[in-house]
Protein backbone atom coordinates (compact mmCIF):
# COMPACT_ATOMS: atom_id res chain seq x y z
CA MET A 1 -225.12 122.02 -8.04
CA GLU A 2 -225.14 121.21 -11.76
CA ALA A 3 -227.24 123.24 -14.17
CA ASP A 4 -230.07 121.45 -15.92
CA ALA A 5 -229.00 121.00 -19.57
CA ARG A 6 -232.51 121.85 -20.78
CA PHE A 7 -232.19 125.35 -19.39
CA SER A 8 -228.48 126.03 -19.83
CA GLY A 9 -228.38 126.29 -23.61
CA GLN A 10 -226.84 122.81 -23.95
CA SER A 11 -229.94 121.41 -25.60
CA GLU A 12 -232.05 122.73 -28.45
CA GLY A 13 -234.84 123.78 -26.09
CA ILE A 14 -237.72 122.69 -23.90
CA GLU A 15 -239.74 120.03 -25.69
CA LEU A 16 -243.48 120.66 -25.32
CA PHE A 17 -245.81 117.94 -26.56
CA SER A 18 -249.44 119.03 -26.65
CA ALA A 19 -252.89 118.14 -27.85
CA GLU A 20 -253.82 119.88 -31.09
CA VAL A 21 -257.03 121.29 -29.62
CA VAL A 22 -255.14 123.82 -27.46
CA ARG A 23 -252.67 124.91 -30.18
CA PRO A 24 -253.83 128.58 -30.38
CA ALA A 25 -253.49 129.12 -26.63
CA ILE A 26 -250.19 127.25 -26.43
CA ILE A 27 -248.61 129.20 -29.29
CA GLU A 28 -249.47 132.47 -27.56
CA LEU A 29 -248.11 131.25 -24.20
CA VAL A 30 -244.93 129.85 -25.78
CA LEU A 31 -244.15 133.10 -27.60
CA ASP A 32 -244.60 135.07 -24.39
CA PHE A 33 -242.49 132.58 -22.38
CA GLU A 34 -239.67 132.61 -24.95
CA LYS A 35 -239.62 136.40 -25.03
CA LYS A 36 -239.52 136.74 -21.23
CA SER A 37 -237.21 133.82 -20.41
CA GLY A 38 -234.90 133.62 -23.40
CA HIS A 39 -235.48 129.85 -23.55
CA LYS A 40 -236.53 128.15 -26.77
CA VAL A 41 -239.61 125.91 -26.72
CA LEU A 42 -239.88 123.17 -29.33
CA THR A 43 -243.58 122.46 -29.82
CA LYS A 44 -245.14 119.28 -31.15
CA PHE A 45 -248.91 118.99 -31.61
CA ASP A 46 -251.12 116.00 -32.32
CA LEU A 47 -254.43 114.45 -31.27
CA ASN A 48 -254.57 113.43 -27.59
CA PRO A 49 -254.46 109.66 -28.23
CA ILE A 50 -251.57 110.07 -30.68
CA VAL A 51 -249.58 112.20 -28.20
CA LYS A 52 -250.08 109.50 -25.58
CA LYS A 53 -249.14 106.70 -27.98
CA ARG A 54 -245.97 108.50 -29.07
CA ILE A 55 -244.94 109.02 -25.44
CA ASP A 56 -245.71 105.35 -24.69
CA GLN A 57 -243.40 104.46 -27.58
CA GLY A 58 -240.58 106.46 -26.01
CA GLU A 59 -240.75 109.85 -27.71
CA ARG A 60 -238.90 112.47 -25.65
CA PHE A 61 -240.70 115.40 -23.99
CA ASP A 62 -240.18 117.86 -21.16
CA VAL A 63 -243.77 119.12 -20.87
CA VAL A 64 -246.97 117.40 -21.98
CA ILE A 65 -250.51 118.76 -22.21
CA ILE A 66 -253.14 116.07 -22.78
CA ASN A 67 -256.32 114.74 -21.17
CA PRO A 68 -256.17 114.26 -17.38
CA TRP A 69 -256.81 110.50 -17.47
CA MET A 70 -253.91 110.12 -19.92
CA ILE A 71 -251.68 112.05 -17.53
CA ASP A 72 -252.82 109.67 -14.76
CA ASP A 73 -251.60 106.75 -16.85
CA LEU A 74 -248.26 108.46 -17.56
CA ILE A 75 -247.85 109.05 -13.82
CA GLU A 76 -248.51 105.35 -13.16
CA GLN A 77 -245.89 104.48 -15.78
CA LYS A 78 -243.41 106.88 -14.08
CA LYS A 79 -243.13 108.93 -17.29
CA VAL A 80 -244.57 112.01 -15.53
CA THR A 81 -243.84 113.02 -11.95
CA ALA A 82 -247.10 113.46 -10.02
CA ALA A 83 -245.78 116.51 -8.14
CA THR A 84 -245.33 118.38 -11.43
CA ARG A 85 -248.94 117.94 -12.53
CA VAL A 86 -250.79 121.22 -13.04
CA GLY A 87 -254.30 121.70 -14.40
CA PHE A 88 -254.27 123.62 -17.68
CA GLY A 89 -257.94 124.23 -18.36
CA ARG A 90 -261.33 122.74 -19.00
CA VAL A 91 -263.29 122.75 -22.21
CA LYS A 92 -267.06 122.40 -22.07
CA TRP A 93 -268.58 120.84 -25.13
CA ALA A 94 -271.91 121.80 -26.58
CA LEU A 95 -273.89 120.58 -29.55
CA ARG A 96 -276.41 122.73 -31.34
CA CYS A 97 -278.76 121.40 -34.00
CA GLU A 98 -281.24 123.35 -36.04
CA GLN A 99 -284.81 122.05 -36.07
CA THR A 100 -284.44 120.75 -39.63
CA GLU A 101 -281.32 118.80 -38.63
CA THR A 102 -282.93 117.19 -35.59
CA ALA A 103 -285.97 116.16 -37.60
CA SER A 104 -283.81 114.38 -40.17
CA LEU A 105 -282.03 112.51 -37.36
CA GLY A 106 -285.31 111.35 -35.85
CA ILE A 107 -284.70 113.39 -32.69
CA GLY A 108 -287.60 115.14 -30.99
CA ARG A 109 -290.33 113.14 -32.63
């Protein structure tokens, strides 16, 4: 059995391509992983659509963290193996407006 070059020190490290929005969590996880495993992780961050576009254009990656529907498309394109897909997390969005802001937008009249 041959060793995978990504994990045998023959490459610079594991290439992680991720959405910018999860950067703080990823940095913490990467530092912990590197410390425990001894493997180097090369991180690249950008906006979700830009990550997807760069992958579509052939940019190399070992791990990608982007929106689920973008992962679906990468699976269809055979750029991601479906069996390796793992949910990372969900972000709930909320919008809060002060009364003065809603009035100026014509909301609540």
